[in-house]
Amino acid sequence: MIQNHLSLIMGNKVGDITSIAEISKFRVGQVYAASVMYGYFLKRVDQRFQLEKTMKVLLNEAEEENSVQQTTMDNARPGIEEDTSQGMSHPEVSTWPGGDVSPGGYGYGIKATRLRNYVMSLDGDTLQRYATIRSKEAISIIEKHTEALFGRPEIVVTPEGSVSKDENVKISFGGLKKLVLEAVTFGSFLWDVESYVDSRYHFVLN
């Protein structure tokens, strides 16, 4: 799932570590903050995934494999069409190989990891809730950390309107990849710290 996140940001340059890109510092900051939130989301949803595995709520390995195979076979049958245009899915599902999402939530034709299968099986409301930062303190940490790294864009008011005077920076795709991975890791640690502090001070509302 992290590899898919990298692909969304870098496109076909994921494997290119030497090419240099020129991008606004503000945009790099946005990518960094979004990746922190993605790492936070992954750690949060993985915690629930591990809990349900421990409680044996989820299918076992063999049952899950059969479920994926059955879904693939059902989708491959001629004369059967499913309208999934109204369905809600994880924001990154549509970019995965195979494109479509089956009614059961599994990506068509994808040999996915179990965590990815689990995420794709969640409904839209649950995904939205798990993708939301729980406390204003954590939001403040993300904002201040990102601003400390990339600064705040300068806004100049002109007669025509507000114009951002943001400087461009040159960064290799290898450096951008490391930056994204660092941000995802930071988001994962942020979830751990927030949960630890909440266990003592109970400041998280949801």
Protein backbone atom coordinates (compact mmCIF):
# COMPACT_ATOMS: atom_id res chain seq x y z
CA MET A 1 0.00 0.00 0.00
CA ILE A 2 2.92 2.34 0.62
CA GLN A 3 4.26 1.47 -2.82
CA ASN A 4 0.91 2.46 -4.29
CA HIS A 5 1.06 5.76 -2.40
CA LEU A 6 4.51 6.40 -3.89
CA SER A 7 3.20 5.62 -7.36
CA LEU A 8 0.38 8.14 -6.97
CA ILE A 9 2.87 10.86 -6.08
CA MET A 10 5.76 10.02 -8.40
CA GLY A 11 4.03 8.27 -11.28
CA ASN A 12 6.43 6.30 -13.48
CA LYS A 13 9.43 7.90 -11.77
CA VAL A 14 9.26 5.62 -8.70
CA GLY A 15 12.28 3.64 -9.86
CA ASP A 16 14.18 6.72 -11.06
CA ILE A 17 16.47 7.97 -8.29
CA THR A 18 18.75 10.27 -10.29
CA SER A 19 16.48 12.57 -12.30
CA ILE A 20 15.92 16.04 -10.88
CA ALA A 21 12.53 17.73 -10.62
CA GLU A 22 11.80 21.40 -9.98
CA ILE A 23 8.77 21.81 -7.74
CA SER A 24 7.41 24.52 -5.48
CA LYS A 25 8.40 24.24 -1.84
CA PHE A 26 4.74 24.65 -0.86
CA ARG A 27 3.79 21.65 -3.02
CA VAL A 28 6.52 19.52 -1.44
CA GLY A 29 5.15 20.50 1.96
CA GLN A 30 1.66 19.44 0.90
CA VAL A 31 2.99 16.06 -0.23
CA TYR A 32 4.86 15.65 3.05
CA ALA A 33 1.81 16.48 5.19
CA ALA A 34 -0.43 14.18 3.14
CA SER A 35 2.08 11.35 3.54
CA VAL A 36 2.20 11.89 7.31
CA MET A 37 -1.59 11.54 7.40
CA TYR A 38 -1.37 8.42 5.22
CA GLY A 39 1.10 6.81 7.63
CA TYR A 40 -1.22 7.71 10.52
CA PHE A 41 -4.14 6.12 8.66
CA LEU A 42 -2.21 2.93 7.86
CA LYS A 43 -1.14 2.44 11.48
CA ARG A 44 -4.67 3.09 12.72
CA VAL A 45 -6.36 0.69 10.31
CA ASP A 46 -3.63 -1.94 10.81
CA GLN A 47 -4.30 -1.87 14.54
CA ARG A 48 -7.94 -2.74 13.92
CA PHE A 49 -6.88 -5.35 11.35
CA GLN A 50 -4.56 -7.05 13.86
CA LEU A 51 -7.25 -6.93 16.55
CA GLU A 52 -9.82 -8.61 14.31
CA LYS A 53 -7.27 -11.25 13.32
CA THR A 54 -6.56 -11.95 16.99
CA MET A 55 -10.28 -12.23 17.71
CA LYS A 56 -10.62 -14.51 14.66
CA VAL A 57 -13.23 -12.23 13.11
CA LEU A 58 -11.46 -12.30 9.74
CA LEU A 59 -11.29 -15.15 7.26
CA ASN A 60 -8.31 -17.43 7.60
CA GLU A 61 -5.68 -17.56 4.85
CA ALA A 62 -7.29 -20.38 2.86
CA GLU A 63 -10.80 -18.96 3.09
CA GLU A 64 -9.59 -15.53 2.03
CA GLU A 65 -7.74 -16.96 -0.96
CA ASN A 66 -10.87 -18.84 -2.03
CA SER A 67 -12.92 -15.68 -1.60
CA VAL A 68 -10.58 -13.70 -3.86
CA GLN A 69 -10.55 -16.46 -6.47
CA GLN A 70 -14.35 -16.76 -6.39
CA THR A 71 -14.74 -13.01 -6.81
CA THR A 72 -12.41 -13.07 -9.81
CA MET A 73 -14.32 -15.97 -11.39
CA ASP A 74 -17.66 -14.25 -10.84
CA ASN A 75 -16.45 -11.06 -12.47
CA ALA A 76 -15.07 -13.00 -15.42
CA ARG A 77 -18.37 -14.73 -16.27
CA PRO A 78 -19.91 -13.43 -19.52
CA GLY A 79 -23.33 -11.83 -19.43
CA ILE A 80 -23.04 -10.65 -15.83
CA GLU A 81 -22.54 -6.94 -15.33
CA GLU A 82 -22.33 -5.12 -12.06
CA ASP A 83 -22.91 -1.39 -11.72
CA THR A 84 -20.28 -0.14 -9.29
CA SER A 85 -20.47 3.49 -10.34
CA GLN A 86 -22.38 4.41 -7.19
CA GLY A 87 -20.15 2.46 -4.82
CA MET A 88 -17.64 4.05 -2.48
CA SER A 89 -14.10 2.79 -2.31
CA HIS A 90 -10.75 3.67 -0.83
CA PRO A 91 -9.35 6.80 -2.58
CA GLU A 92 -6.40 4.85 -3.97
CA VAL A 93 -8.31 1.78 -5.18
CA SER A 94 -9.07 3.20 -8.63
CA THR A 95 -5.36 3.53 -9.40
CA TRP A 96 -4.47 -0.09 -8.69
CA PRO A 97 -3.81 -2.52 -11.54
CA GLY A 98 -7.08 -3.94 -12.85
CA GLY A 99 -8.93 -0.71 -12.13
CA ASP A 100 -12.32 -2.06 -11.09
CA VAL A 101 -13.56 -2.95 -7.65
CA SER A 102 -15.80 -5.93 -7.19
CA PRO A 103 -19.06 -5.72 -5.21
CA GLY A 104 -17.32 -7.54 -2.37
CA GLY A 105 -14.66 -4.86 -2.15
CA TYR A 106 -11.72 -6.77 -3.60
CA GLY A 107 -9.73 -5.45 -6.53
CA TYR A 108 -10.46 -7.46 -9.67
CA GLY A 109 -7.47 -9.54 -10.74
CA ILE A 110 -5.21 -8.26 -7.94
CA LYS A 111 -3.02 -10.55 -5.87
CA ALA A 112 -3.32 -8.17 -2.94
CA THR A 113 -1.87 -8.26 0.54
CA ARG A 114 -4.27 -9.17 3.31
CA LEU A 115 -4.18 -5.66 4.77
CA ARG A 116 -5.06 -4.17 1.40
CA ASN A 117 -7.93 -6.64 1.04
CA TYR A 118 -9.12 -5.63 4.48
CA VAL A 119 -8.98 -1.90 3.70
CA MET A 120 -10.88 -2.43 0.45
CA SER A 121 -13.60 -4.32 2.31
CA LEU A 122 -14.35 -1.37 4.61
CA ASP A 123 -17.26 0.93 3.82
CA GLY A 124 -16.72 4.57 2.90
CA ASP A 125 -17.81 5.99 6.26
CA THR A 126 -15.39 3.74 8.13
CA LEU A 127 -12.53 4.66 5.81
CA GLN A 128 -13.27 8.36 6.29
CA ARG A 129 -13.31 7.96 10.06
CA TYR A 130 -10.01 6.09 10.10
CA ALA A 131 -8.40 8.64 7.78
CA THR A 132 -9.30 11.49 10.16
CA ILE A 133 -6.74 12.75 12.66
CA ARG A 134 -8.28 12.23 16.10
CA SER A 135 -6.93 15.17 18.10
CA LYS A 136 -6.21 18.84 17.50
CA GLU A 137 -2.83 18.30 19.16
CA ALA A 138 -1.81 15.81 16.46
CA ILE A 139 -3.03 18.18 13.74
CA SER A 140 -0.97 20.97 15.30
CA ILE A 141 2.12 18.74 15.35
CA ILE A 142 1.73 17.94 11.64
CA GLU A 143 1.25 21.60 10.75
CA LYS A 144 4.17 22.87 12.83
CA HIS A 145 6.52 20.08 11.73
CA THR A 146 5.71 20.66 8.06
CA GLU A 147 6.11 24.42 8.44
CA ALA A 148 9.45 23.95 10.22
CA LEU A 149 10.72 21.88 7.29
CA PHE A 150 9.31 23.83 4.35
CA GLY A 151 8.35 27.22 5.74
CA ARG A 152 5.17 29.20 5.23
CA PRO A 153 4.46 30.49 1.69
CA GLU A 154 4.70 34.24 1.36
CA ILE A 155 1.48 35.91 0.23
CA VAL A 156 1.64 39.26 -1.55
CA VAL A 157 -1.56 41.26 -2.02
CA THR A 158 -1.78 42.96 -5.41
CA PRO A 159 -4.56 45.04 -7.01
CA GLU A 160 -5.48 41.96 -9.05
CA GLY A 161 -5.72 39.74 -6.00
CA SER A 162 -3.56 37.60 -3.73
CA VAL A 163 -0.54 35.97 -5.31
CA SER A 164 1.70 33.44 -3.59
CA LYS A 165 5.42 34.10 -3.94
CA ASP A 166 6.53 30.54 -3.37
CA GLU A 167 10.05 29.54 -4.34
CA ASN A 168 10.83 26.45 -6.36
CA VAL A 169 13.27 23.82 -5.16
CA LYS A 170 15.16 21.16 -7.07
CA ILE A 171 14.94 17.65 -5.69
CA SER A 172 15.84 14.26 -7.11
CA PHE A 173 13.11 11.65 -7.37
CA GLY A 174 15.22 9.50 -5.08
CA GLY A 175 15.21 12.30 -2.51
CA LEU A 176 11.46 12.79 -2.92
CA LYS A 177 10.91 9.07 -2.36
CA LYS A 178 12.94 9.18 0.86
CA LEU A 179 10.99 12.24 1.98
CA VAL A 180 7.65 10.49 1.43
CA LEU A 181 8.79 7.35 3.27
CA GLU A 182 10.06 9.48 6.16
CA ALA A 183 6.68 11.23 6.33
CA VAL A 184 4.75 7.93 6.34
CA THR A 185 6.97 6.67 9.16
CA PHE A 186 6.45 9.91 11.09
CA GLY A 187 2.68 9.51 10.74
CA SER A 188 2.88 5.96 12.07
CA PHE A 189 4.88 7.10 15.10
CA LEU A 190 2.46 9.99 15.62
CA TRP A 191 -0.39 7.49 16.02
CA ASP A 192 1.64 5.53 18.59
CA VAL A 193 2.52 8.63 20.61
CA GLU A 194 -1.02 10.00 20.48
CA SER A 195 -2.42 6.66 21.67
CA TYR A 196 0.16 6.42 24.47
CA VAL A 197 -0.56 9.93 25.77
CA ASP A 198 -4.32 9.38 25.46
CA SER A 199 -4.08 6.25 27.61
CA ARG A 200 -3.01 8.52 30.47
CA TYR A 201 -4.73 11.84 29.84
CA HIS A 202 -7.79 10.81 27.78
CA PHE A 203 -7.80 13.82 25.47
CA VAL A 204 -8.87 12.05 22.26
CA LEU A 205 -12.56 12.45 21.53
CA ASN A 206 -13.09 9.75 18.87
